[in-house]
Amino acid sequence: MRLPLVLACVLGFGLAVGLVAGKQHPKPAVAKTLVLSKQAQRYLVLQYREFSTEFMGCMIGEVRGSTVVVERIAPADVDSAASRATRVVPKGSCEDAGWTGVVGIIHSHPGGERCFYYFPTTIVPSSDGASFAMNDYPVDAIMCGTKVVWIARDAKEHELELKGLHLFVSR
């Protein structure tokens, strides 16, 4: 049977990525809106454009009711030698890296592929979905070209288009 093996791989990868979230956070209302400051958007575009491997960042901001406002993206402490086009491994939590005010994690999918938390037409979590389930941040996000796919604690995926920013990728 391949399903248990696949699920174990997904959950195993989730355990590695789940290390990024280290502390218990207050349980805010479920996020309905994600707002990225212009600085956060510029940082994401720069990171996405410059790296052919996945990058990971700590979203710094605050929760205002059902809105998560991200003021900036701080670099996560990752094992750069182990970073690949389809994988990034954190060395510890964002808080362990010295960041405060963390509201979520964001990472990229350099090819803009597989930008989902659940496999299409199923309720089976991808490795990204499994990782999010193992931390307690209000949101998680994936940078996919000019859009950000994000999820909140209600397990609903959302898309946020990065408008007005030019993404010149020369891969």
N, C-alpha and C. Protein backbone atom coordinates (compact mmCIF):
# COMPACT_ATOMS: atom_id res chain seq x y z
N MET A 1 0.85 -1.18 0.00
CA MET A 1 0.00 0.00 0.00
C MET A 1 0.88 1.24 0.00
N ARG A 2 0.64 2.11 -0.95
CA ARG A 2 1.46 3.30 -1.06
C ARG A 2 0.91 4.46 -0.25
N LEU A 3 -0.39 4.49 0.03
CA LEU A 3 -0.98 5.62 0.72
C LEU A 3 -0.35 5.87 2.09
N PRO A 4 -0.20 4.86 2.95
CA PRO A 4 0.45 5.13 4.24
C PRO A 4 1.87 5.67 4.07
N LEU A 5 2.61 5.16 3.09
CA LEU A 5 3.96 5.64 2.85
C LEU A 5 3.94 7.10 2.41
N VAL A 6 3.05 7.43 1.48
CA VAL A 6 2.94 8.82 1.01
C VAL A 6 2.55 9.72 2.16
N LEU A 7 1.56 9.31 2.94
CA LEU A 7 1.13 10.11 4.08
C LEU A 7 2.25 10.27 5.09
N ALA A 8 3.00 9.21 5.34
CA ALA A 8 4.13 9.30 6.27
C ALA A 8 5.18 10.25 5.75
N CYS A 9 5.43 10.24 4.44
CA CYS A 9 6.40 11.17 3.86
C CYS A 9 5.92 12.60 4.00
N VAL A 10 4.64 12.83 3.71
CA VAL A 10 4.07 14.17 3.83
C VAL A 10 4.17 14.65 5.27
N LEU A 11 3.76 13.80 6.20
CA LEU A 11 3.80 14.20 7.60
C LEU A 11 5.23 14.31 8.10
N GLY A 12 6.13 13.45 7.63
CA GLY A 12 7.53 13.54 8.01
C GLY A 12 8.15 14.84 7.56
N PHE A 13 7.86 15.24 6.32
CA PHE A 13 8.36 16.53 5.84
C PHE A 13 7.74 17.65 6.65
N GLY A 14 6.47 17.50 6.97
CA GLY A 14 5.79 18.51 7.78
C GLY A 14 6.44 18.68 9.13
N LEU A 15 6.94 17.58 9.71
CA LEU A 15 7.63 17.67 10.99
C LEU A 15 8.86 18.55 10.88
N ALA A 16 9.60 18.40 9.78
CA ALA A 16 10.82 19.20 9.59
C ALA A 16 10.46 20.67 9.44
N VAL A 17 9.49 20.97 8.59
CA VAL A 17 9.12 22.35 8.37
C VAL A 17 8.39 22.90 9.60
N GLY A 18 7.66 22.03 10.31
CA GLY A 18 6.92 22.45 11.48
C GLY A 18 7.80 22.96 12.61
N LEU A 19 9.08 22.71 12.55
CA LEU A 19 9.99 23.22 13.58
C LEU A 19 10.05 24.74 13.59
N VAL A 20 9.65 25.37 12.50
CA VAL A 20 9.73 26.83 12.41
C VAL A 20 8.86 27.48 13.47
N ALA A 21 7.73 26.88 13.78
CA ALA A 21 6.85 27.45 14.77
C ALA A 21 7.17 26.86 16.13
N GLY A 22 7.73 27.66 17.00
CA GLY A 22 8.19 27.11 18.25
C GLY A 22 7.37 27.45 19.47
N LYS A 23 6.65 28.57 19.46
CA LYS A 23 5.96 29.02 20.66
C LYS A 23 4.45 28.93 20.50
N GLN A 24 3.78 28.91 21.62
CA GLN A 24 2.33 28.98 21.62
C GLN A 24 1.92 30.43 21.41
N HIS A 25 0.98 30.66 20.53
CA HIS A 25 0.48 31.99 20.25
C HIS A 25 -0.97 32.07 20.67
N PRO A 26 -1.44 33.25 21.04
CA PRO A 26 -2.86 33.37 21.39
C PRO A 26 -3.72 32.98 20.19
N LYS A 27 -4.85 32.41 20.45
CA LYS A 27 -5.75 31.97 19.38
C LYS A 27 -6.66 33.14 18.97
N PRO A 28 -6.28 33.88 17.92
CA PRO A 28 -7.11 34.99 17.47
C PRO A 28 -8.30 34.47 16.67
N ALA A 29 -9.18 35.39 16.29
CA ALA A 29 -10.27 35.03 15.41
C ALA A 29 -9.66 34.49 14.11
N VAL A 30 -10.38 33.63 13.43
CA VAL A 30 -9.88 33.06 12.18
C VAL A 30 -9.67 34.20 11.18
N ALA A 31 -8.51 34.22 10.57
CA ALA A 31 -8.18 35.26 9.60
C ALA A 31 -9.04 35.12 8.35
N LYS A 32 -9.65 36.20 7.95
CA LYS A 32 -10.43 36.24 6.71
C LYS A 32 -9.70 37.04 5.65
N THR A 33 -8.74 37.88 6.09
CA THR A 33 -8.02 38.75 5.18
C THR A 33 -6.54 38.76 5.54
N LEU A 34 -5.70 38.73 4.52
CA LEU A 34 -4.27 38.87 4.70
C LEU A 34 -3.84 40.13 3.96
N VAL A 35 -3.18 41.04 4.67
CA VAL A 35 -2.70 42.29 4.08
C VAL A 35 -1.18 42.29 4.15
N LEU A 36 -0.53 42.45 2.99
CA LEU A 36 0.92 42.54 2.92
C LEU A 36 1.31 43.98 2.64
N SER A 37 2.15 44.55 3.50
CA SER A 37 2.63 45.92 3.25
C SER A 37 3.40 45.95 1.94
N LYS A 38 3.59 47.14 1.40
CA LYS A 38 4.37 47.28 0.16
C LYS A 38 5.79 46.77 0.36
N GLN A 39 6.38 47.02 1.54
CA GLN A 39 7.74 46.54 1.80
C GLN A 39 7.77 45.02 1.78
N ALA A 40 6.77 44.38 2.39
CA ALA A 40 6.71 42.92 2.40
C ALA A 40 6.56 42.38 0.98
N GLN A 41 5.74 43.03 0.18
CA GLN A 41 5.56 42.60 -1.21
C GLN A 41 6.86 42.75 -2.00
N ARG A 42 7.55 43.86 -1.85
CA ARG A 42 8.81 44.06 -2.57
C ARG A 42 9.84 43.01 -2.17
N TYR A 43 9.92 42.70 -0.87
CA TYR A 43 10.85 41.69 -0.39
C TYR A 43 10.53 40.33 -1.01
N LEU A 44 9.26 39.97 -1.05
CA LEU A 44 8.87 38.69 -1.62
C LEU A 44 9.25 38.60 -3.10
N VAL A 45 8.98 39.65 -3.84
CA VAL A 45 9.31 39.65 -5.26
C VAL A 45 10.81 39.53 -5.46
N LEU A 46 11.58 40.26 -4.66
CA LEU A 46 13.04 40.19 -4.76
C LEU A 46 13.53 38.78 -4.46
N GLN A 47 13.06 38.18 -3.39
CA GLN A 47 13.48 36.83 -3.02
C GLN A 47 13.09 35.83 -4.09
N TYR A 48 11.88 35.95 -4.58
CA TYR A 48 11.39 35.01 -5.59
C TYR A 48 12.19 35.12 -6.87
N ARG A 49 12.50 36.35 -7.24
CA ARG A 49 13.23 36.60 -8.49
C ARG A 49 14.67 36.12 -8.42
N GLU A 50 15.29 36.23 -7.25
CA GLU A 50 16.71 35.97 -7.13
C GLU A 50 17.10 34.52 -6.84
N PHE A 51 16.18 33.74 -6.30
CA PHE A 51 16.56 32.39 -5.87
C PHE A 51 15.85 31.31 -6.67
N SER A 52 16.62 30.33 -7.12
CA SER A 52 16.03 29.20 -7.82
C SER A 52 15.64 28.10 -6.84
N THR A 53 16.00 28.28 -5.56
CA THR A 53 15.59 27.34 -4.52
C THR A 53 14.47 27.97 -3.71
N GLU A 54 13.78 27.15 -2.94
CA GLU A 54 12.75 27.70 -2.06
C GLU A 54 13.40 28.63 -1.05
N PHE A 55 12.70 29.69 -0.69
CA PHE A 55 13.13 30.52 0.42
C PHE A 55 12.03 30.49 1.47
N MET A 56 12.39 30.81 2.69
CA MET A 56 11.42 30.82 3.78
C MET A 56 11.58 32.10 4.56
N GLY A 57 10.46 32.70 4.94
CA GLY A 57 10.50 33.93 5.72
C GLY A 57 9.49 33.91 6.84
N CYS A 58 9.76 34.75 7.83
CA CYS A 58 8.88 34.92 8.97
C CYS A 58 8.04 36.17 8.73
N MET A 59 6.72 36.01 8.70
CA MET A 59 5.85 37.16 8.50
C MET A 59 5.68 37.88 9.84
N ILE A 60 6.13 39.12 9.88
CA ILE A 60 6.08 39.93 11.10
C ILE A 60 4.94 40.93 10.97
N GLY A 61 4.08 40.99 11.96
CA GLY A 61 2.95 41.91 11.90
C GLY A 61 2.05 41.75 13.10
N GLU A 62 0.76 41.90 12.85
CA GLU A 62 -0.21 41.78 13.94
C GLU A 62 -1.56 41.33 13.41
N VAL A 63 -2.35 40.81 14.32
CA VAL A 63 -3.71 40.39 14.01
C VAL A 63 -4.63 41.49 14.49
N ARG A 64 -5.46 41.99 13.58
CA ARG A 64 -6.45 43.03 13.90
C ARG A 64 -7.83 42.45 13.59
N GLY A 65 -8.46 41.89 14.61
CA GLY A 65 -9.74 41.23 14.40
C GLY A 65 -9.54 40.00 13.53
N SER A 66 -10.20 39.98 12.37
CA SER A 66 -10.05 38.84 11.46
C SER A 66 -9.09 39.16 10.31
N THR A 67 -8.29 40.21 10.47
CA THR A 67 -7.31 40.58 9.45
C THR A 67 -5.90 40.40 10.00
N VAL A 68 -5.05 39.74 9.22
CA VAL A 68 -3.64 39.62 9.57
C VAL A 68 -2.89 40.62 8.70
N VAL A 69 -2.20 41.54 9.35
CA VAL A 69 -1.44 42.58 8.66
C VAL A 69 0.04 42.24 8.78
N VAL A 70 0.69 42.03 7.64
CA VAL A 70 2.12 41.71 7.62
C VAL A 70 2.88 42.98 7.24
N GLU A 71 3.66 43.48 8.19
CA GLU A 71 4.43 44.71 7.95
C GLU A 71 5.73 44.41 7.21
N ARG A 72 6.34 43.27 7.53
CA ARG A 72 7.59 42.92 6.87
C ARG A 72 7.81 41.42 6.92
N ILE A 73 8.72 40.98 6.08
CA ILE A 73 9.12 39.58 6.04
C ILE A 73 10.57 39.52 6.51
N ALA A 74 10.83 38.73 7.53
CA ALA A 74 12.19 38.56 8.04
C ALA A 74 12.69 37.19 7.60
N PRO A 75 13.97 37.09 7.31
CA PRO A 75 14.48 35.79 6.86
C PRO A 75 14.42 34.75 7.98
N ALA A 76 13.96 33.57 7.63
CA ALA A 76 13.98 32.45 8.57
C ALA A 76 15.40 31.89 8.60
N ASP A 77 15.74 31.26 9.70
CA ASP A 77 17.05 30.63 9.83
C ASP A 77 16.95 29.23 9.21
N VAL A 78 17.47 29.09 7.99
CA VAL A 78 17.34 27.84 7.26
C VAL A 78 18.71 27.24 6.98
N ASP A 79 18.69 25.97 6.69
CA ASP A 79 19.91 25.27 6.29
C ASP A 79 20.07 25.47 4.79
N SER A 80 20.84 26.49 4.41
CA SER A 80 20.96 26.85 2.99
C SER A 80 21.58 25.73 2.16
N ALA A 81 22.44 24.93 2.75
CA ALA A 81 23.05 23.82 2.02
C ALA A 81 22.02 22.76 1.64
N ALA A 82 20.93 22.68 2.40
CA ALA A 82 19.90 21.68 2.13
C ALA A 82 18.74 22.24 1.31
N SER A 83 18.78 23.53 0.98
CA SER A 83 17.70 24.13 0.20
C SER A 83 17.73 23.64 -1.23
N ARG A 84 16.57 23.31 -1.72
CA ARG A 84 16.41 22.81 -3.08
C ARG A 84 15.24 23.56 -3.73
N ALA A 85 15.02 23.27 -4.98
CA ALA A 85 13.91 23.90 -5.69
C ALA A 85 12.56 23.51 -5.07
N THR A 86 12.51 22.37 -4.40
CA THR A 86 11.25 21.90 -3.84
C THR A 86 11.31 21.68 -2.33
N ARG A 87 12.32 22.25 -1.68
CA ARG A 87 12.43 21.99 -0.24
C ARG A 87 13.28 23.06 0.43
N VAL A 88 12.86 23.43 1.62
CA VAL A 88 13.65 24.30 2.48
C VAL A 88 13.46 23.80 3.91
N VAL A 89 14.54 23.73 4.66
CA VAL A 89 14.48 23.16 6.01
C VAL A 89 14.91 24.22 7.02
N PRO A 90 14.04 24.55 7.97
CA PRO A 90 14.41 25.52 8.99
C PRO A 90 15.33 24.90 10.05
N LYS A 91 16.18 25.73 10.63
CA LYS A 91 17.03 25.26 11.73
C LYS A 91 16.30 25.39 13.06
N GLY A 92 15.28 26.20 13.12
CA GLY A 92 14.52 26.41 14.34
C GLY A 92 13.35 27.33 14.06
N SER A 93 12.72 27.82 15.09
CA SER A 93 11.56 28.68 14.94
C SER A 93 11.99 30.10 14.59
N CYS A 94 11.04 30.89 14.15
CA CYS A 94 11.30 32.32 13.88
C CYS A 94 11.71 33.00 15.18
N GLU A 95 11.07 32.60 16.26
CA GLU A 95 11.42 33.19 17.56
C GLU A 95 12.83 32.80 17.97
N ASP A 96 13.24 31.57 17.66
CA ASP A 96 14.61 31.14 17.94
C ASP A 96 15.62 31.97 17.14
N ALA A 97 15.20 32.44 15.97
CA ALA A 97 16.06 33.28 15.13
C ALA A 97 16.08 34.73 15.61
N GLY A 98 15.30 35.03 16.65
CA GLY A 98 15.31 36.37 17.22
C GLY A 98 14.17 37.28 16.82
N TRP A 99 13.21 36.77 16.04
CA TRP A 99 12.11 37.60 15.58
C TRP A 99 10.95 37.58 16.57
N THR A 100 10.29 38.70 16.70
CA THR A 100 9.09 38.81 17.53
C THR A 100 7.95 39.33 16.66
N GLY A 101 6.74 39.13 17.12
CA GLY A 101 5.58 39.58 16.36
C GLY A 101 5.30 38.74 15.13
N VAL A 102 5.68 37.47 15.18
CA VAL A 102 5.50 36.58 14.02
C VAL A 102 4.04 36.16 13.93
N VAL A 103 3.45 36.34 12.74
CA VAL A 103 2.05 35.95 12.53
C VAL A 103 1.93 34.78 11.56
N GLY A 104 3.06 34.35 10.99
CA GLY A 104 3.02 33.22 10.09
C GLY A 104 4.33 33.02 9.36
N ILE A 105 4.37 31.97 8.58
CA ILE A 105 5.53 31.60 7.78
C ILE A 105 5.15 31.71 6.32
N ILE A 106 6.09 32.14 5.50
CA ILE A 106 5.89 32.14 4.05
C ILE A 106 7.10 31.49 3.42
N HIS A 107 6.85 30.72 2.39
CA HIS A 107 7.96 30.14 1.62
C HIS A 107 7.55 30.19 0.15
N SER A 108 8.51 29.93 -0.71
CA SER A 108 8.23 30.03 -2.14
C SER A 108 8.19 28.66 -2.80
N HIS A 109 7.54 28.63 -3.94
CA HIS A 109 7.61 27.51 -4.86
C HIS A 109 8.15 28.11 -6.15
N PRO A 110 9.47 28.02 -6.36
CA PRO A 110 10.12 28.73 -7.46
C PRO A 110 9.50 28.55 -8.84
N GLY A 111 9.01 27.39 -9.16
CA GLY A 111 8.38 27.18 -10.46
C GLY A 111 6.92 27.60 -10.49
N GLY A 112 6.39 28.07 -9.36
CA GLY A 112 4.99 28.45 -9.30
C GLY A 112 4.04 27.26 -9.39
N GLU A 113 4.55 26.08 -9.05
CA GLU A 113 3.74 24.87 -9.14
C GLU A 113 3.41 24.34 -7.75
N ARG A 114 2.37 23.53 -7.69
CA ARG A 114 1.95 22.87 -6.45
C ARG A 114 1.69 23.86 -5.32
N CYS A 115 1.04 24.93 -5.65
CA CYS A 115 0.75 25.98 -4.68
C CYS A 115 -0.61 25.73 -4.03
N PHE A 116 -0.64 24.71 -3.19
CA PHE A 116 -1.87 24.35 -2.51
C PHE A 116 -1.54 23.67 -1.18
N TYR A 117 -2.52 23.72 -0.28
CA TYR A 117 -2.38 23.10 1.03
C TYR A 117 -3.07 21.75 1.10
N TYR A 118 -3.99 21.50 0.18
CA TYR A 118 -4.68 20.22 0.08
C TYR A 118 -4.60 19.80 -1.38
N PHE A 119 -4.36 18.51 -1.62
CA PHE A 119 -4.32 18.04 -2.99
C PHE A 119 -5.66 18.34 -3.65
N PRO A 120 -5.63 18.80 -4.89
CA PRO A 120 -6.86 19.21 -5.57
C PRO A 120 -7.96 18.16 -5.50
N THR A 121 -9.16 18.63 -5.23
CA THR A 121 -10.40 17.84 -5.11
C THR A 121 -10.37 16.82 -3.98
N THR A 122 -9.47 17.01 -3.02
CA THR A 122 -9.41 16.10 -1.87
C THR A 122 -9.34 16.90 -0.57
N ILE A 123 -9.34 16.18 0.53
CA ILE A 123 -9.07 16.80 1.82
C ILE A 123 -7.74 16.29 2.37
N VAL A 124 -6.92 15.73 1.49
CA VAL A 124 -5.62 15.20 1.87
C VAL A 124 -4.61 16.36 1.87
N PRO A 125 -3.98 16.62 3.01
CA PRO A 125 -3.05 17.75 3.06
C PRO A 125 -1.75 17.47 2.30
N SER A 126 -1.25 18.51 1.65
CA SER A 126 0.08 18.43 1.06
C SER A 126 1.09 18.57 2.20
N SER A 127 2.37 18.52 1.90
CA SER A 127 3.36 18.72 2.96
C SER A 127 3.22 20.12 3.54
N ASP A 128 2.82 21.11 2.72
CA ASP A 128 2.60 22.45 3.24
C ASP A 128 1.41 22.49 4.19
N GLY A 129 0.35 21.77 3.86
CA GLY A 129 -0.81 21.69 4.74
C GLY A 129 -0.48 21.00 6.05
N ALA A 130 0.31 19.94 5.97
CA ALA A 130 0.71 19.21 7.19
C ALA A 130 1.58 20.09 8.07
N SER A 131 2.47 20.85 7.47
CA SER A 131 3.35 21.75 8.24
C SER A 131 2.53 22.81 8.97
N PHE A 132 1.57 23.41 8.26
CA PHE A 132 0.74 24.44 8.87
C PHE A 132 -0.06 23.87 10.04
N ALA A 133 -0.55 22.64 9.88
CA ALA A 133 -1.33 22.01 10.95
C ALA A 133 -0.49 21.79 12.21
N MET A 134 0.81 21.73 12.05
CA MET A 134 1.69 21.44 13.19
C MET A 134 2.21 22.69 13.89
N ASN A 135 1.89 23.87 13.37
CA ASN A 135 2.29 25.08 14.09
C ASN A 135 1.04 25.80 14.56
N ASP A 136 1.21 26.88 15.27
CA ASP A 136 0.02 27.56 15.78
C ASP A 136 -0.06 29.02 15.34
N TYR A 137 0.65 29.37 14.28
CA TYR A 137 0.52 30.72 13.74
C TYR A 137 -0.86 30.87 13.09
N PRO A 138 -1.38 32.09 13.04
CA PRO A 138 -2.72 32.29 12.45
C PRO A 138 -2.78 32.01 10.95
N VAL A 139 -1.67 32.25 10.23
CA VAL A 139 -1.67 32.05 8.78
C VAL A 139 -0.37 31.43 8.30
N ASP A 140 -0.41 30.91 7.09
CA ASP A 140 0.76 30.38 6.40
C ASP A 140 0.59 30.77 4.94
N ALA A 141 1.71 30.95 4.22
CA ALA A 141 1.58 31.40 2.84
C ALA A 141 2.66 30.79 1.95
N ILE A 142 2.33 30.71 0.65
CA ILE A 142 3.26 30.23 -0.37
C ILE A 142 3.34 31.29 -1.46
N MET A 143 4.55 31.74 -1.76
CA MET A 143 4.77 32.69 -2.86
C MET A 143 4.85 31.89 -4.15
N CYS A 144 3.97 32.22 -5.10
CA CYS A 144 3.89 31.49 -6.37
C CYS A 144 3.80 32.50 -7.50
N GLY A 145 4.92 32.94 -8.00
CA GLY A 145 4.91 33.94 -9.06
C GLY A 145 4.38 35.26 -8.54
N THR A 146 3.37 35.80 -9.19
CA THR A 146 2.81 37.08 -8.77
C THR A 146 1.64 36.93 -7.81
N LYS A 147 1.45 35.73 -7.29
CA LYS A 147 0.38 35.55 -6.31
C LYS A 147 0.92 34.88 -5.06
N VAL A 148 0.20 35.08 -3.98
CA VAL A 148 0.48 34.43 -2.71
C VAL A 148 -0.74 33.59 -2.38
N VAL A 149 -0.53 32.30 -2.21
CA VAL A 149 -1.59 31.40 -1.76
C VAL A 149 -1.43 31.29 -0.26
N TRP A 150 -2.51 31.50 0.48
CA TRP A 150 -2.41 31.46 1.94
C TRP A 150 -3.58 30.72 2.55
N ILE A 151 -3.36 30.32 3.79
CA ILE A 151 -4.36 29.54 4.52
C ILE A 151 -4.43 30.06 5.94
N ALA A 152 -5.63 29.98 6.50
CA ALA A 152 -5.84 30.36 7.90
C ALA A 152 -6.34 29.14 8.66
N ARG A 153 -6.65 29.31 9.92
CA ARG A 153 -7.05 28.19 10.78
C ARG A 153 -8.38 27.56 10.40
N ASP A 154 -9.15 28.21 9.53
CA ASP A 154 -10.39 27.58 9.07
C ASP A 154 -10.13 26.61 7.92
N ALA A 155 -8.86 26.44 7.53
CA ALA A 155 -8.41 25.50 6.49
C ALA A 155 -8.89 25.88 5.10
N LYS A 156 -9.26 27.13 4.89
CA LYS A 156 -9.67 27.59 3.56
C LYS A 156 -8.49 28.28 2.89
N GLU A 157 -8.23 27.87 1.66
CA GLU A 157 -7.15 28.50 0.89
C GLU A 157 -7.66 29.79 0.25
N HIS A 158 -6.75 30.76 0.18
CA HIS A 158 -7.06 32.05 -0.44
C HIS A 158 -5.91 32.42 -1.36
N GLU A 159 -6.18 33.31 -2.30
CA GLU A 159 -5.12 33.83 -3.17
C GLU A 159 -5.09 35.34 -3.06
N LEU A 160 -3.87 35.86 -3.05
CA LEU A 160 -3.65 37.30 -3.00
C LEU A 160 -2.72 37.65 -4.15
N GLU A 161 -3.21 38.45 -5.08
CA GLU A 161 -2.42 38.86 -6.24
C GLU A 161 -1.53 40.04 -5.85
N LEU A 162 -0.26 39.95 -6.21
CA LEU A 162 0.67 41.05 -5.94
C LEU A 162 0.61 41.99 -7.14
N LYS A 163 -0.24 42.99 -7.05
CA LYS A 163 -0.49 43.90 -8.17
C LYS A 163 0.53 45.04 -8.19
N GLY A 164 0.86 45.47 -9.38
CA GLY A 164 1.73 46.62 -9.53
C GLY A 164 3.20 46.31 -9.34
N LEU A 165 3.53 45.06 -9.07
CA LEU A 165 4.93 44.68 -8.90
C LEU A 165 5.35 43.84 -10.10
N HIS A 166 6.51 44.13 -10.61
CA HIS A 166 6.99 43.41 -11.79
C HIS A 166 7.90 42.28 -11.36
N LEU A 167 7.63 41.13 -11.87
CA LEU A 167 8.39 39.94 -11.52
C LEU A 167 9.14 39.48 -12.76
N PHE A 168 10.41 39.80 -12.83
CA PHE A 168 11.22 39.38 -13.96
C PHE A 168 12.05 38.19 -13.51
N VAL A 169 11.64 37.03 -13.94
CA VAL A 169 12.33 35.81 -13.55
C VAL A 169 13.12 35.30 -14.74
N SER A 170 14.41 35.13 -14.55
CA SER A 170 15.26 34.65 -15.64
C SER A 170 15.85 33.29 -15.29
N ARG A 171 14.99 32.33 -15.14
CA ARG A 171 15.46 30.98 -14.78
C ARG A 171 15.62 30.15 -16.01
